[in-house]
Structure formats: C-alpha cells, structure tokens
C-alpha atoms as a PDB file:
ATOM      1  CA  MET A   1      77.440  55.914 144.338  1.00  0.00           C
ATOM      2  CA  SER A   2      76.563  58.755 141.903  1.00  0.00           C
ATOM      3  CA  GLY A   3      79.163  59.673 139.414  1.00  0.00           C
ATOM      4  CA  CYS A   4      81.325  62.837 139.421  1.00  0.00           C
ATOM      5  CA  SER A   5      79.061  64.618 136.819  1.00  0.00           C
ATOM      6  CA  GLU A   6      75.930  63.904 138.929  1.00  0.00           C
ATOM      7  CA  LEU A   7      77.612  65.197 142.086  1.00  0.00           C
ATOM      8  CA  ARG A   8      78.761  68.363 140.328  1.00  0.00           C
ATOM      9  CA  ALA A   9      75.361  68.891 138.748  1.00  0.00           C
ATOM     10  CA  ARG A  10      73.728  68.847 142.161  1.00  0.00           C
ATOM     11  CA  ALA A  11      76.308  71.216 143.554  1.00  0.00           C
ATOM     12  CA  ARG A  12      75.714  73.768 140.755  1.00  0.00           C
ATOM     13  CA  LYS A  13      71.899  73.577 141.380  1.00  0.00           C
ATOM     14  CA  GLN A  14      72.295  74.001 145.213  1.00  0.00           C
ATOM     15  CA  LEU A  15      74.593  77.046 144.456  1.00  0.00           C
ATOM     16  CA  GLY A  16      71.885  78.612 142.332  1.00  0.00           C
ATOM     17  CA  GLY A  17      73.155  77.467 138.948  1.00  0.00           C
ATOM     18  CA  SER A  18      75.408  80.392 138.322  1.00  0.00           C
ATOM     19  CA  ILE A  19      78.508  81.884 139.728  1.00  0.00           C
ATOM     20  CA  PHE A  20      76.630  85.094 140.162  1.00  0.00           C
ATOM     21  CA  ALA A  21      73.717  83.470 142.097  1.00  0.00           C
ATOM     22  CA  GLU A  22      73.308  84.616 145.694  1.00  0.00           C
ATOM     23  CA  ALA A  23      74.073  81.115 147.260  1.00  0.00           C
ATOM     24  CA  TRP A  24      77.208  80.766 145.093  1.00  0.00           C
ATOM     25  CA  VAL A  25      78.555  84.361 145.880  1.00  0.00           C
ATOM     26  CA  MET A  26      77.841  84.178 149.567  1.00  0.00           C
ATOM     27  CA  THR A  27      79.525  80.745 149.874  1.00  0.00           C
ATOM     28  CA  MET A  28      82.445  82.283 147.966  1.00  0.00           C
ATOM     29  CA  LEU A  29      82.658  85.234 150.252  1.00  0.00           C
ATOM     30  CA  CYS A  30      82.658  82.896 153.297  1.00  0.00           C
ATOM     31  CA  TYR A  31      85.498  80.931 151.733  1.00  0.00           C
ATOM     32  CA  LEU A  32      87.439  84.073 151.050  1.00  0.00           C
ATOM     33  CA  LEU A  33      87.137  85.169 154.661  1.00  0.00           C
ATOM     34  CA  TYR A  34      88.181  81.671 155.759  1.00  0.00           C
ATOM     35  CA  SER A  35      91.251  81.916 153.598  1.00  0.00           C
ATOM     36  CA  LEU A  36      92.120  85.395 154.840  1.00  0.00           C
ATOM     37  CA  ILE A  37      91.808  84.361 158.523  1.00  0.00           C
ATOM     38  CA  ILE A  38      93.804  81.102 158.068  1.00  0.00           C
ATOM     39  CA  GLY A  39      96.355  83.002 156.116  1.00  0.00           C
ATOM     40  CA  ALA A  40      96.755  85.586 158.799  1.00  0.00           C
ATOM     41  CA  ALA A  41      97.036  82.769 161.434  1.00  0.00           C
ATOM     42  CA  SER A  42      99.607  80.779 159.473  1.00  0.00           C
ATOM     43  CA  VAL A  43     102.461  82.705 161.009  1.00  0.00           C
ATOM     44  CA  THR A  44     102.273  80.020 163.689  1.00  0.00           C
ATOM     45  CA  VAL A  45     101.145  76.312 163.558  1.00  0.00           C
ATOM     46  CA  VAL A  46      99.065  76.795 166.753  1.00  0.00           C
ATOM     47  CA  GLY A  47      97.163  79.659 165.108  1.00  0.00           C
ATOM     48  CA  VAL A  48      96.138  77.573 162.189  1.00  0.00           C
ATOM     49  CA  ILE A  49      95.029  74.655 164.360  1.00  0.00           C
ATOM     50  CA  LEU A  50      93.316  76.844 166.934  1.00  0.00           C
ATOM     51  CA  LEU A  51      91.282  78.555 164.279  1.00  0.00           C
ATOM     52  CA  GLY A  52      91.181  76.064 161.475  1.00  0.00           C
ATOM     53  CA  GLY A  53      88.803  73.588 163.394  1.00  0.00           C
ATOM     54  CA  PRO A  54      85.947  75.931 164.164  1.00  0.00           C
ATOM     55  CA  LEU A  55      86.221  77.628 160.629  1.00  0.00           C
ATOM     56  CA  THR A  56      86.223  74.276 158.888  1.00  0.00           C
ATOM     57  CA  TYR A  57      83.256  73.265 160.837  1.00  0.00           C
ATOM     58  CA  GLY A  58      81.609  76.596 159.760  1.00  0.00           C
ATOM     59  CA  MET A  59      82.392  75.972 155.994  1.00  0.00           C
ATOM     60  CA  CYS A  60      80.902  72.530 156.246  1.00  0.00           C
ATOM     61  CA  ARG A  61      77.721  73.830 157.876  1.00  0.00           C
ATOM     62  CA  ILE A  62      77.402  76.356 155.147  1.00  0.00           C
ATOM     63  CA  THR A  63      77.594  73.798 152.356  1.00  0.00           C
ATOM     64  CA  LEU A  64      75.350  71.351 154.195  1.00  0.00           C
ATOM     65  CA  ASN A  65      72.652  74.176 154.602  1.00  0.00           C
ATOM     66  CA  ASN A  66      73.003  74.808 150.836  1.00  0.00           C
ATOM     67  CA  ALA A  67      72.443  71.093 150.122  1.00  0.00           C
ATOM     68  CA  ARG A  68      69.494  70.888 152.364  1.00  0.00           C
ATOM     69  CA  GLY A  69      68.000  74.238 151.533  1.00  0.00           C
ATOM     70  CA  ALA A  70      67.947  74.888 155.286  1.00  0.00           C
ATOM     71  CA  LYS A  71      68.700  78.569 155.176  1.00  0.00           C
ATOM     72  CA  LYS A  72      70.241  81.356 153.234  1.00  0.00           C
ATOM     73  CA  THR A  73      73.953  81.621 153.783  1.00  0.00           C
ATOM     74  CA  GLU A  74      75.151  84.545 156.104  1.00  0.00           C
ATOM     75  CA  ILE A  75      78.758  85.491 156.854  1.00  0.00           C
ATOM     76  CA  THR A  76      78.188  84.744 160.540  1.00  0.00           C
ATOM     77  CA  ASP A  77      77.564  81.075 159.669  1.00  0.00           C
ATOM     78  CA  LEU A  78      81.309  80.626 159.172  1.00  0.00           C
ATOM     79  CA  PHE A  79      81.797  81.178 162.807  1.00  0.00           C
ATOM     80  CA  ASP A  80      79.345  78.627 164.234  1.00  0.00           C
ATOM     81  CA  GLY A  81      82.106  76.362 165.303  1.00  0.00           C
ATOM     82  CA  PHE A  82      83.288  78.854 167.896  1.00  0.00           C
ATOM     83  CA  SER A  83      79.956  79.084 169.580  1.00  0.00           C
ATOM     84  CA  LYS A  84      78.475  75.611 169.112  1.00  0.00           C
ATOM     85  CA  ASP A  85      81.482  73.234 170.043  1.00  0.00           C
ATOM     86  CA  PHE A  86      84.762  75.089 170.018  1.00  0.00           C
ATOM     87  CA  VAL A  87      86.661  72.410 172.040  1.00  0.00           C
ATOM     88  CA  ASN A  88      85.744  69.487 169.920  1.00  0.00           C
ATOM     89  CA  THR A  89      86.176  71.324 166.618  1.00  0.00           C
ATOM     90  CA  PHE A  90      89.618  72.378 167.783  1.00  0.00           C
ATOM     91  CA  LEU A  91      90.523  68.933 168.937  1.00  0.00           C
ATOM     92  CA  LEU A  92      89.206  67.476 165.677  1.00  0.00           C
ATOM     93  CA  GLU A  93      91.476  69.662 163.711  1.00  0.00           C
ATOM     94  CA  LEU A  94      94.392  69.005 166.003  1.00  0.00           C
ATOM     95  CA  LEU A  95      94.095  65.243 165.989  1.00  0.00           C
ATOM     96  CA  THR A  96      93.349  64.960 162.310  1.00  0.00           C
ATOM     97  CA  SER A  97      96.458  67.078 161.452  1.00  0.00           C
ATOM     98  CA  LEU A  98      98.582  65.093 163.892  1.00  0.00           C
ATOM     99  CA  TYR A  99      97.459  61.613 162.688  1.00  0.00           C
ATOM    100  CA  VAL A 100      97.909  62.515 159.008  1.00  0.00           C
ATOM    101  CA  PHE A 101     101.370  64.005 159.699  1.00  0.00           C
ATOM    102  CA  LEU A 102     102.500  60.843 161.642  1.00  0.00           C
ATOM    103  CA  TRP A 103     101.207  58.634 158.764  1.00  0.00           C
ATOM    104  CA  SER A 104     102.992  60.856 156.288  1.00  0.00           C
ATOM    105  CA  LEU A 105     106.280  60.114 158.054  1.00  0.00           C
ATOM    106  CA  LEU A 106     106.047  56.576 156.833  1.00  0.00           C
ATOM    107  CA  LEU A 107     105.768  57.804 153.205  1.00  0.00           C
ATOM    108  CA  ILE A 108     103.634  60.412 151.521  1.00  0.00           C
ATOM    109  CA  ILE A 109     100.962  57.893 150.231  1.00  0.00           C
ATOM    110  CA  PRO A 110      99.908  56.637 153.678  1.00  0.00           C
ATOM    111  CA  GLY A 111      99.332  60.259 154.827  1.00  0.00           C
ATOM    112  CA  ILE A 112      97.208  60.952 151.743  1.00  0.00           C
ATOM    113  CA  ILE A 113      95.200  57.871 152.361  1.00  0.00           C
ATOM    114  CA  LYS A 114      94.591  58.695 155.896  1.00  0.00           C
ATOM    115  CA  SER A 115      93.563  62.311 154.999  1.00  0.00           C
ATOM    116  CA  TYR A 116      90.919  60.755 152.719  1.00  0.00           C
ATOM    117  CA  ALA A 117      89.832  58.505 155.500  1.00  0.00           C
ATOM    118  CA  TYR A 118      89.283  61.533 157.700  1.00  0.00           C
ATOM    119  CA  ALA A 119      87.688  63.680 154.967  1.00  0.00           C
ATOM    120  CA  LEU A 120      84.106  63.464 156.220  1.00  0.00           C
ATOM    121  CA  SER A 121      84.890  64.112 160.011  1.00  0.00           C
ATOM    122  CA  PHE A 122      83.775  67.725 160.054  1.00  0.00           C
ATOM    123  CA  TYR A 123      80.463  66.925 158.191  1.00  0.00           C
ATOM    124  CA  ILE A 124      79.756  64.262 160.722  1.00  0.00           C
ATOM    125  CA  GLN A 125      80.528  66.659 163.498  1.00  0.00           C
ATOM    126  CA  ASN A 126      77.862  68.964 162.131  1.00  0.00           C
ATOM    127  CA  ASP A 127      75.325  66.165 162.022  1.00  0.00           C
ATOM    128  CA  SER A 128      76.099  64.512 165.337  1.00  0.00           C
ATOM    129  CA  GLU A 129      74.856  66.188 168.444  1.00  0.00           C
ATOM    130  CA  ASN A 130      77.054  65.591 171.490  1.00  0.00           C
ATOM    131  CA  LYS A 131      79.585  63.471 169.719  1.00  0.00           C
ATOM    132  CA  ASP A 132      83.158  64.098 170.400  1.00  0.00           C
ATOM    133  CA  TRP A 133      86.159  64.323 168.031  1.00  0.00           C
ATOM    134  CA  SER A 134      87.077  60.693 168.450  1.00  0.00           C
ATOM    135  CA  TYR A 135      83.530  59.562 167.272  1.00  0.00           C
ATOM    136  CA  CYS A 136      83.753  61.753 164.172  1.00  0.00           C
ATOM    137  CA  LEU A 137      87.256  60.429 163.145  1.00  0.00           C
ATOM    138  CA  HIS A 138      86.173  56.819 163.472  1.00  0.00           C
ATOM    139  CA  LYS A 139      82.848  57.355 161.865  1.00  0.00           C
ATOM    140  CA  SER A 140      84.600  58.977 158.902  1.00  0.00           C
ATOM    141  CA  GLU A 141      86.992  56.101 158.599  1.00  0.00           C
ATOM    142  CA  GLU A 142      84.072  53.585 158.713  1.00  0.00           C
ATOM    143  CA  MET A 143      82.201  55.497 156.025  1.00  0.00           C
ATOM    144  CA  MET A 144      85.129  55.985 153.740  1.00  0.00           C
ATOM    145  CA  LYS A 145      86.007  52.240 153.527  1.00  0.00           C
ATOM    146  CA  GLY A 146      85.951  51.347 149.989  1.00  0.00           C
ATOM    147  CA  HIS A 147      85.150  54.860 148.970  1.00  0.00           C
ATOM    148  CA  LYS A 148      88.491  56.775 149.124  1.00  0.00           C
ATOM    149  CA  ALA A 149      89.276  56.272 145.411  1.00  0.00           C
ATOM    150  CA  GLU A 150      85.836  57.663 144.517  1.00  0.00           C
ATOM    151  CA  LEU A 151      86.472  60.904 146.433  1.00  0.00           C
ATOM    152  CA  PHE A 152      89.934  61.071 144.958  1.00  0.00           C
ATOM    153  CA  VAL A 153      88.510  60.780 141.409  1.00  0.00           C
ATOM    154  CA  LEU A 154      85.898  63.534 142.296  1.00  0.00           C
ATOM    155  CA  ASP A 155      88.777  65.842 143.421  1.00  0.00           C
ATOM    156  CA  LEU A 156      90.565  65.084 140.117  1.00  0.00           C
ATOM    157  CA  SER A 157      87.533  65.907 138.177  1.00  0.00           C
ATOM    158  CA  PHE A 158      87.927  69.667 139.302  1.00  0.00           C
ATOM    159  CA  ILE A 159      91.500  70.059 137.851  1.00  0.00           C
ATOM    160  CA  GLY A 160      90.249  71.570 134.754  1.00  0.00           C
ATOM    161  CA  TRP A 161      87.976  74.043 136.643  1.00  0.00           C
ATOM    162  CA  TYR A 162      91.004  75.017 138.896  1.00  0.00           C
ATOM    163  CA  ILE A 163      93.104  75.643 135.657  1.00  0.00           C
ATOM    164  CA  VAL A 164      90.404  77.922 134.335  1.00  0.00           C
ATOM    165  CA  GLY A 165      89.992  79.484 137.693  1.00  0.00           C
ATOM    166  CA  SER A 166      93.657  80.340 137.971  1.00  0.00           C
ATOM    167  CA  LEU A 167      93.362  82.669 135.056  1.00  0.00           C
ATOM    168  CA  CYS A 168      92.489  86.422 135.619  1.00  0.00           C
ATOM    169  CA  LEU A 169      95.180  86.526 138.372  1.00  0.00           C
ATOM    170  CA  GLY A 170      93.677  83.585 140.233  1.00  0.00           C
ATOM    171  CA  ILE A 171      90.641  85.358 141.295  1.00  0.00           C
ATOM    172  CA  GLY A 172      88.390  82.762 139.596  1.00  0.00           C
ATOM    173  CA  MET A 173      89.777  80.158 142.119  1.00  0.00           C
ATOM    174  CA  PHE A 174      87.370  81.634 144.748  1.00  0.00           C
ATOM    175  CA  PHE A 175      84.406  80.731 142.598  1.00  0.00           C
ATOM    176  CA  VAL A 176      85.756  77.320 141.988  1.00  0.00           C
ATOM    177  CA  VAL A 177      86.352  76.234 145.579  1.00  0.00           C
ATOM    178  CA  PRO A 178      82.692  76.668 146.726  1.00  0.00           C
ATOM    179  CA  TYR A 179      81.622  74.439 143.786  1.00  0.00           C
ATOM    180  CA  HIS A 180      84.235  71.762 144.703  1.00  0.00           C
ATOM    181  CA  LEU A 181      83.296  71.956 148.403  1.00  0.00           C
ATOM    182  CA  GLN A 182      79.553  71.639 147.487  1.00  0.00           C
ATOM    183  CA  ALA A 183      80.191  68.560 145.377  1.00  0.00           C
ATOM    184  CA  LYS A 184      82.058  66.948 148.328  1.00  0.00           C
ATOM    185  CA  THR A 185      79.229  67.781 150.578  1.00  0.00           C
ATOM    186  CA  ASN A 186      76.919  65.795 148.200  1.00  0.00           C
ATOM    187  CA  PHE A 187      79.430  62.970 148.373  1.00  0.00           C
ATOM    188  CA  TYR A 188      79.163  62.900 152.079  1.00  0.00           C
ATOM    189  CA  LEU A 189      75.365  63.051 152.088  1.00  0.00           C
ATOM    190  CA  GLU A 190      75.110  59.992 149.835  1.00  0.00           C
ATOM    191  CA  LEU A 191      77.480  58.013 151.973  1.00  0.00           C
ATOM    192  CA  LYS A 192      75.510  59.185 155.090  1.00  0.00           C
ATOM    193  CA  GLU A 193      72.289  57.874 153.509  1.00  0.00           C
ATOM    194  CA  GLN A 194      73.945  54.587 152.816  1.00  0.00           C
ATOM    195  CA  SER A 195      75.367  54.340 156.232  1.00  0.00           C
ATOM    196  CA  ASP A 196      72.224  55.197 157.921  1.00  0.00           C
ATOM    197  CA  ALA A 197      70.329  52.620 155.865  1.00  0.00           C
ATOM    198  CA  ALA A 198      72.936  49.953 156.749  1.00  0.00           C
ATOM    199  CA  GLU A 199      72.593  50.707 160.466  1.00  0.00           C
ATOM    200  CA  SER A 200      68.888  50.608 160.365  1.00  0.00           C
ATOM    201  CA  ASN A 201      68.925  47.231 158.604  1.00  0.00           C
ATOM    202  CA  HIS A 202      71.392  45.964 161.045  1.00  0.00           C
ATOM    203  CA  ILE A 203      69.239  47.102 164.039  1.00  0.00           C
ATOM    204  CA  GLY A 204      66.253  45.671 162.470  1.00  0.00           C
ATOM    205  CA  ALA A 205      67.872  42.244 161.984  1.00  0.00           C
ATOM    206  CA  GLU A 206      68.869  42.104 165.612  1.00  0.00           C
ATOM    207  CA  GLU A 207      65.433  42.815 166.957  1.00  0.00           C
ATOM    208  CA  PRO A 208      63.863  39.642 168.419  1.00  0.00           C
ATOM    209  CA  PHE A 209      60.577  38.240 167.030  1.00  0.00           C
ATOM    210  CA  ASN A 210      57.441  39.130 168.768  1.00  0.00           C
ATOM    211  CA  TYR A 211      55.107  36.145 169.360  1.00  0.00           C
END
C-alpha cells in the first residue's frame, strides 16, 4: 500500500496540481453545494439520510472520474445518485448510519472502527453495476480488513491542512476537503486493484487442469 505522501501527491496531480486548477475548483464547488444541501436538510434526520446517500454517491463519482481522467467535472455529476440508483444509495446511507450508530452504543471506539470498515461502500457502489447496498457494505468490510489503521493515518495526515484551511474565516476548508476526498479515492483504487488481483488468482487456482 502506498504511503500517505504518495496518495496525496496523486490527488494533487489529479486535481490539476493547484487549488486554482479547473478540476480542483469544480470539485470544491460540488462539495460546497453538497454541504449547503446537507446543511439545509439537517433540520430533520430523515432529510439528511434521504439526500445524503445519493449526494455522497455523486461526490464519490466525481473523485473517481478525477482519478481516472474519465471526464471533466460538472455540477450535475453531484446528482447522479438520484438518477442512477436512488433506492440503493438511500438504503446504503440509511443502513451505514444505523449500523455505525448501534456499534457506537457499545462505546465510541467500536462505532469508529465500523465507520472505517464501511468507508469504501459508496466507491464500490459506483463501480458495481446492479449490486445492492448489502453487497457494497460487505465488500467494503472485506477490503478494509487489515487496512483500517492505514486509512486512519491518511486522515490524520490532513490535520495540518485543515488547520491552515480554517484560517481566513474557514473558507480554505472547502479547498482542503476535495484534496482529502481525492486522496481517499486513491486509497480505494489501490485496495480495489489488490482485491481484484486476489479474486483473479483465486478463480485461476480453482480452474481444473485441461488434459
């Protein structure tokens, strides 16, 4: 697994190398809109869960497109979850929140651990056609086995950036978050590559010899 500095370097390159680059600015604008919508919906828990799933799906799609050079980011990309698979994006947000909450009732630490176990679920949903929320949660748990601490360390590596971003009335935070999300996307892509290779080797090992 690549170190934090390598994942951050890839993220900067994918965002254009500068906070004023088009990809970085567009991703920032999408996150700003995401925050405004979730903030407005936060008057009710139902509102956050109802909108949070599709919008989180959209943010993951944007950073995945950045990483793969698939297309230039557009504001409308944020709303892809509503048109592509609203039911499963909603259920994924609902069940993730519920499971993390229930684990948090035991103590705070189990809830945090579970949230890291489910951290890849929306990326997986983007990459898995016709897979329901249950598959995405279980696949995320499987991929994150032995890697939760690595993602935790990656998150910690952004503390300095968030401190700097909090200056200037906190406006800089909106430039830091896309950088953080893009680095987490690269974390997912590395684990996906490892997981796909392991599955391919397993399938190959099970194939019978042809005589």
